[in-house]
Amino acid sequence: MHNSYKGISYAIITAILWGVLAIVLKVSLNRLTPADVTWSRFFIAFTGLAGYYLIKKPYYLRILKKPPLLLILATCCLATNYYGFIEGVNLTTPGVAQVFIQLGPVMLAVSGFVIFREKVNWRQILGFSLVIFGLLLFYHEHMQAIVTGKDLWRTGVIWVLIAAITWAVYSVLLKFLVLRHPPMQLNLFIFGLPVLLYLPFVNFSHFTGIGLTGWLILLFLGLNTLFAYGLLALAIQYAEANKISVILVLNPLLTFALMAILGFIGVTWIEPEHFTLITISGAVIVLAGAVLTILRKKPEQ
């Protein structure tokens, strides 16, 4: 498989994992705090990855002793992103959080053109423009709710914006780091440092009453972290930043589709989302724009 298509495939899987993530995060906050969940995600991801490389490639663990400065900065950005996003989900809804977190992929796309000098043609410009226009349509009613909403929601939106900005900075730094280090070796440190950073804020007494369902949710979140960011690192290594960003903005469509299904079957453990013809039209335009941006007329050399 061509490297560019490899990167696109990895980014698509990442988008699917993130599309489910916001909903599961909202459910996890029924009995746990954002700090509890964030620490658990990093702990499970680091434990799984470190255990694997301790057996298969022990020399990968050397990066834990002497990490590059850029890696430390990237890790702090991702740690902030995790907390900001889950705090935003906690104070708003999965749908609202997914609205504003898309600023991250947009900033990553801009960095691809400005920082990495990636080539762009008229089809990509048209496709990316359609993505932005489609998202505006898709989220029209949610934007209205936020503008007239409560202070709690506005605080949640601010947290998500912080998460989006720090994610974009993390992704740009990672683009430089993967030139010299294997992506999964970088993730060893990226998952490990936040375990220490968030440890003072975790209330371990909360974990005693979450039951089997709660533990399964935490396990899913940890594995989601491990696989999604592992695949994202590979995507950034193989594909252009602007293409990755367009694929990642599709993950809210899955979130809203799942929320629509949950609302249709009448679940009571999460607040349902509502859709109109405008939001559906926006979704179609987003998909069309993504296809224009991703596909090429000629294969890369």
Protein backbone atom coordinates (compact mmCIF):
# COMPACT_ATOMS: atom_id res chain seq x y z
CA MET A 1 0.00 0.00 0.00
CA HIS A 2 1.28 3.49 -0.87
CA ASN A 3 2.49 5.43 2.18
CA SER A 4 -0.04 8.23 1.64
CA TYR A 5 -2.94 5.77 1.60
CA LYS A 6 -1.51 4.07 4.68
CA GLY A 7 -1.63 7.38 6.50
CA ILE A 8 -5.20 8.01 5.33
CA SER A 9 -6.29 4.55 6.54
CA TYR A 10 -4.73 5.13 9.96
CA ALA A 11 -6.42 8.54 10.21
CA ILE A 12 -9.83 7.06 9.32
CA ILE A 13 -9.59 4.47 12.10
CA THR A 14 -8.52 7.23 14.51
CA ALA A 15 -11.57 9.29 13.53
CA ILE A 16 -13.87 6.33 14.22
CA LEU A 17 -12.33 5.75 17.65
CA TRP A 18 -12.70 9.44 18.50
CA GLY A 19 -16.27 9.49 17.22
CA VAL A 20 -17.25 7.02 19.94
CA LEU A 21 -14.99 8.60 22.56
CA ALA A 22 -17.05 11.67 23.48
CA ILE A 23 -20.13 9.57 24.29
CA VAL A 24 -18.24 7.11 26.46
CA LEU A 25 -16.47 9.96 28.26
CA LYS A 26 -19.82 11.52 29.14
CA VAL A 27 -21.04 8.22 30.61
CA SER A 28 -17.80 7.72 32.58
CA LEU A 29 -18.36 11.02 34.40
CA ASN A 30 -21.44 9.70 36.21
CA ARG A 31 -19.24 8.55 39.11
CA LEU A 32 -15.73 9.77 38.31
CA THR A 33 -14.15 13.20 38.00
CA PRO A 34 -12.43 14.43 34.82
CA ALA A 35 -9.04 14.01 36.53
CA ASP A 36 -9.89 10.41 37.54
CA VAL A 37 -10.83 9.47 33.98
CA THR A 38 -7.91 11.29 32.37
CA TRP A 39 -5.37 9.61 34.64
CA SER A 40 -6.96 6.20 34.03
CA ARG A 41 -6.77 6.61 30.26
CA PHE A 42 -3.08 7.45 30.33
CA PHE A 43 -2.29 4.76 32.93
CA ILE A 44 -3.96 1.95 30.97
CA ALA A 45 -2.44 3.09 27.67
CA PHE A 46 1.06 3.40 29.16
CA THR A 47 0.87 0.09 31.02
CA GLY A 48 -0.21 -1.79 27.90
CA LEU A 49 2.39 -0.19 25.64
CA ALA A 50 5.27 -0.40 28.14
CA GLY A 51 4.49 -4.05 28.88
CA TYR A 52 4.56 -4.90 25.19
CA TYR A 53 7.87 -3.17 24.47
CA LEU A 54 9.46 -4.47 27.67
CA ILE A 55 9.17 -7.91 26.07
CA LYS A 56 9.51 -7.13 22.35
CA LYS A 57 11.80 -4.08 22.18
CA PRO A 58 13.30 -3.18 25.60
CA TYR A 59 15.55 -0.55 24.03
CA TYR A 60 12.44 1.54 23.27
CA LEU A 61 12.21 2.28 27.00
CA ARG A 62 15.39 4.37 26.83
CA ILE A 63 13.33 7.35 25.71
CA LEU A 64 11.83 7.50 29.21
CA LYS A 65 15.26 8.41 30.63
CA LYS A 66 16.35 11.10 28.14
CA PRO A 67 13.33 12.48 26.28
CA PRO A 68 13.84 15.30 23.74
CA LEU A 69 12.63 18.73 24.84
CA LEU A 70 10.10 18.84 21.99
CA LEU A 71 8.65 15.55 23.27
CA ILE A 72 8.20 16.96 26.76
CA LEU A 73 6.41 20.01 25.34
CA ALA A 74 4.23 17.84 23.08
CA THR A 75 3.30 15.61 26.02
CA CYS A 76 2.29 18.57 28.20
CA CYS A 77 0.11 19.83 25.34
CA LEU A 78 -1.62 16.46 24.97
CA ALA A 79 -2.12 16.15 28.73
CA THR A 80 -3.85 19.55 28.66
CA ASN A 81 -5.89 18.51 25.64
CA TYR A 82 -7.22 15.41 27.42
CA TYR A 83 -8.33 17.30 30.49
CA GLY A 84 -9.77 20.23 28.55
CA PHE A 85 -11.87 18.00 26.32
CA ILE A 86 -13.32 15.85 29.10
CA GLU A 87 -14.06 18.95 31.20
CA GLY A 88 -15.85 20.40 28.18
CA VAL A 89 -17.85 17.19 27.74
CA ASN A 90 -18.66 17.27 31.45
CA LEU A 91 -20.00 20.83 31.38
CA THR A 92 -21.80 20.59 28.01
CA THR A 93 -22.70 17.57 25.85
CA PRO A 94 -20.78 15.24 23.51
CA GLY A 95 -22.22 17.09 20.51
CA VAL A 96 -21.28 20.56 21.71
CA ALA A 97 -17.78 19.42 22.66
CA GLN A 98 -17.33 17.91 19.21
CA VAL A 99 -18.29 21.26 17.64
CA PHE A 100 -15.38 23.20 19.02
CA ILE A 101 -12.73 20.51 19.22
CA GLN A 102 -12.68 20.65 15.39
CA LEU A 103 -10.61 23.82 15.70
CA GLY A 104 -7.68 21.46 16.34
CA PRO A 105 -7.71 19.68 12.96
CA VAL A 106 -8.36 23.01 11.21
CA MET A 107 -5.26 24.51 12.85
CA LEU A 108 -3.29 21.38 11.92
CA ALA A 109 -4.35 21.80 8.28
CA VAL A 110 -3.23 25.42 8.28
CA SER A 111 0.11 24.38 9.78
CA GLY A 112 0.54 21.92 6.93
CA PHE A 113 0.44 24.74 4.39
CA VAL A 114 2.32 27.35 6.46
CA ILE A 115 4.93 25.40 8.43
CA PHE A 116 5.51 22.24 6.40
CA ARG A 117 5.04 23.87 2.96
CA GLU A 118 2.72 21.10 1.82
CA LYS A 119 1.48 21.52 -1.77
CA VAL A 120 -2.17 22.32 -2.26
CA ASN A 121 -4.28 22.30 -5.43
CA TRP A 122 -7.64 23.84 -6.29
CA ARG A 123 -9.54 20.62 -5.50
CA GLN A 124 -8.11 20.52 -2.00
CA ILE A 125 -8.96 24.18 -1.43
CA LEU A 126 -12.51 23.58 -2.67
CA GLY A 127 -12.83 20.41 -0.60
CA PHE A 128 -11.56 22.04 2.57
CA SER A 129 -13.89 25.00 2.01
CA LEU A 130 -16.82 22.60 1.70
CA VAL A 131 -15.79 20.92 4.95
CA ILE A 132 -15.85 24.25 6.80
CA PHE A 133 -19.17 25.29 5.22
CA GLY A 134 -20.71 21.87 5.94
CA LEU A 135 -19.64 21.99 9.57
CA LEU A 136 -21.24 25.42 9.96
CA LEU A 137 -24.50 24.03 8.63
CA PHE A 138 -24.23 20.83 10.62
CA TYR A 139 -23.70 22.65 13.90
CA HIS A 140 -26.00 25.63 13.27
CA GLU A 141 -28.54 24.80 15.95
CA HIS A 142 -25.86 23.87 18.47
CA MET A 143 -24.15 27.19 17.90
CA GLN A 144 -27.45 28.95 18.60
CA ALA A 145 -27.83 27.02 21.85
CA ILE A 146 -24.33 27.93 22.99
CA VAL A 147 -24.70 31.63 22.23
CA THR A 148 -27.89 31.80 24.31
CA GLY A 149 -26.83 29.11 26.77
CA LYS A 150 -25.83 29.09 30.40
CA ASP A 151 -22.52 30.22 31.88
CA LEU A 152 -21.72 26.58 32.63
CA TRP A 153 -21.88 25.75 28.93
CA ARG A 154 -19.69 28.73 28.03
CA THR A 155 -17.08 27.56 30.52
CA GLY A 156 -17.23 24.11 28.95
CA VAL A 157 -16.73 25.60 25.49
CA ILE A 158 -13.65 27.49 26.72
CA TRP A 159 -12.19 24.23 28.03
CA VAL A 160 -12.77 22.56 24.65
CA LEU A 161 -11.14 25.48 22.82
CA ILE A 162 -8.08 25.11 25.06
CA ALA A 163 -8.10 21.39 24.24
CA ALA A 164 -8.26 22.10 20.50
CA ILE A 165 -5.37 24.57 20.53
CA THR A 166 -3.10 22.35 22.62
CA TRP A 167 -3.92 19.36 20.39
CA ALA A 168 -2.89 21.32 17.30
CA VAL A 169 0.42 22.31 18.92
CA TYR A 170 0.97 18.68 19.97
CA SER A 171 0.37 17.46 16.41
CA VAL A 172 2.78 19.98 14.88
CA LEU A 173 5.51 19.02 17.37
CA LEU A 174 4.85 15.35 16.69
CA LYS A 175 5.32 15.97 12.96
CA PHE A 176 8.91 16.97 13.73
CA LEU A 177 9.50 14.20 16.26
CA VAL A 178 8.47 11.31 14.00
CA LEU A 179 11.29 12.24 11.65
CA ARG A 180 13.81 10.97 14.21
CA HIS A 181 11.91 8.58 16.46
CA PRO A 182 9.48 5.67 15.89
CA PRO A 183 5.94 6.89 16.59
CA MET A 184 5.12 4.20 19.16
CA GLN A 185 8.35 4.86 21.05
CA LEU A 186 7.27 8.49 21.36
CA ASN A 187 3.93 7.33 22.72
CA LEU A 188 5.68 5.55 25.58
CA PHE A 189 6.69 8.92 26.98
CA ILE A 190 3.54 10.70 25.81
CA PHE A 191 1.39 8.25 27.79
CA GLY A 192 3.77 7.94 30.74
CA LEU A 193 4.45 11.52 31.82
CA PRO A 194 0.74 12.46 32.28
CA VAL A 195 0.35 9.49 34.65
CA LEU A 196 2.69 11.34 37.01
CA LEU A 197 1.29 14.80 36.25
CA TYR A 198 -2.32 13.85 37.07
CA LEU A 199 -1.56 11.53 40.00
CA PRO A 200 -1.97 14.23 42.73
CA PHE A 201 -5.46 15.06 41.45
CA VAL A 202 -6.88 11.52 41.40
CA ASN A 203 -9.33 10.40 44.12
CA PHE A 204 -8.86 6.63 44.24
CA SER A 205 -11.84 6.17 46.55
CA HIS A 206 -14.08 6.95 43.57
CA PHE A 207 -12.98 3.74 41.84
CA THR A 208 -14.39 1.46 44.54
CA GLY A 209 -18.02 2.08 43.61
CA ILE A 210 -18.01 2.08 39.80
CA GLY A 211 -18.81 -1.63 39.42
CA LEU A 212 -17.98 -3.93 36.53
CA THR A 213 -19.56 -1.61 33.96
CA GLY A 214 -17.45 1.28 35.17
CA TRP A 215 -14.25 -0.75 34.93
CA LEU A 216 -15.12 -1.90 31.42
CA ILE A 217 -15.71 1.72 30.41
CA LEU A 218 -12.29 2.73 31.79
CA LEU A 219 -10.66 -0.19 30.00
CA PHE A 220 -12.28 0.88 26.73
CA LEU A 221 -11.13 4.49 27.22
CA GLY A 222 -7.58 3.37 27.93
CA LEU A 223 -7.43 1.08 24.89
CA ASN A 224 -9.06 3.80 22.79
CA THR A 225 -6.24 6.13 23.85
CA LEU A 226 -3.56 3.55 23.06
CA PHE A 227 -4.81 2.64 19.59
CA ALA A 228 -6.12 6.06 18.49
CA TYR A 229 -2.92 7.95 19.27
CA GLY A 230 -0.74 5.13 18.03
CA LEU A 231 -2.53 5.22 14.70
CA LEU A 232 -2.51 9.04 14.67
CA ALA A 233 1.27 9.06 15.09
CA LEU A 234 1.58 6.68 12.12
CA ALA A 235 -0.84 8.79 10.09
CA ILE A 236 1.20 11.93 10.73
CA GLN A 237 4.32 10.04 9.69
CA TYR A 238 2.90 8.85 6.35
CA ALA A 239 0.41 11.50 5.21
CA GLU A 240 0.19 15.28 4.87
CA ALA A 241 -1.15 17.23 7.83
CA ASN A 242 -3.94 18.87 5.82
CA LYS A 243 -5.34 15.50 4.70
CA ILE A 244 -5.23 14.07 8.23
CA SER A 245 -7.05 17.11 9.56
CA VAL A 246 -9.92 16.75 7.08
CA ILE A 247 -10.38 13.08 7.94
CA LEU A 248 -10.41 13.83 11.66
CA VAL A 249 -13.15 16.43 11.32
CA LEU A 250 -15.43 13.59 10.19
CA ASN A 251 -15.44 11.95 13.63
CA PRO A 252 -18.27 14.19 14.95
CA LEU A 253 -20.54 12.76 12.25
CA LEU A 254 -20.20 9.34 13.88
CA THR A 255 -20.81 10.88 17.29
CA PHE A 256 -24.05 12.48 16.14
CA ALA A 257 -25.14 9.33 14.30
CA LEU A 258 -24.68 7.27 17.46
CA MET A 259 -26.45 9.91 19.54
CA ALA A 260 -29.36 9.84 17.08
CA ILE A 261 -29.62 6.06 17.42
CA LEU A 262 -29.50 6.28 21.22
CA GLY A 263 -32.20 8.94 21.17
CA PHE A 264 -34.35 6.86 18.82
CA ILE A 265 -34.24 3.80 21.07
CA GLY A 266 -35.00 5.99 24.09
CA VAL A 267 -31.99 5.49 26.38
CA THR A 268 -32.10 7.46 29.64
CA TRP A 269 -28.43 7.40 30.67
CA ILE A 270 -27.39 10.15 28.23
CA GLU A 271 -29.13 13.24 26.85
CA PRO A 272 -30.16 12.71 23.19
CA GLU A 273 -29.19 15.00 20.29
CA HIS A 274 -31.70 16.48 17.85
CA PHE A 275 -31.30 16.74 14.07
CA THR A 276 -32.95 18.76 11.31
CA LEU A 277 -32.71 18.89 7.52
CA ILE A 278 -30.02 21.57 7.90
CA THR A 279 -27.76 19.36 10.02
CA ILE A 280 -28.21 16.41 7.65
CA SER A 281 -27.36 18.62 4.64
CA GLY A 282 -24.26 19.84 6.43
CA ALA A 283 -23.14 16.26 7.03
CA VAL A 284 -23.43 15.43 3.31
CA ILE A 285 -21.42 18.54 2.35
CA VAL A 286 -18.71 17.66 4.88
CA LEU A 287 -18.34 14.18 3.41
CA ALA A 288 -18.19 15.55 -0.15
CA GLY A 289 -15.52 18.06 0.86
CA ALA A 290 -13.46 15.36 2.58
CA VAL A 291 -13.49 13.20 -0.55
CA LEU A 292 -12.31 16.12 -2.70
CA THR A 293 -9.50 16.90 -0.28
CA ILE A 294 -8.26 13.33 0.17
CA LEU A 295 -8.34 11.94 -3.38
CA ARG A 296 -5.58 12.73 -5.84
CA LYS A 297 -5.58 12.51 -9.64
CA LYS A 298 -2.02 11.17 -9.71
CA PRO A 299 -0.21 9.02 -7.15
CA GLU A 300 2.54 10.65 -5.11
CA GLN A 301 6.15 9.97 -6.05
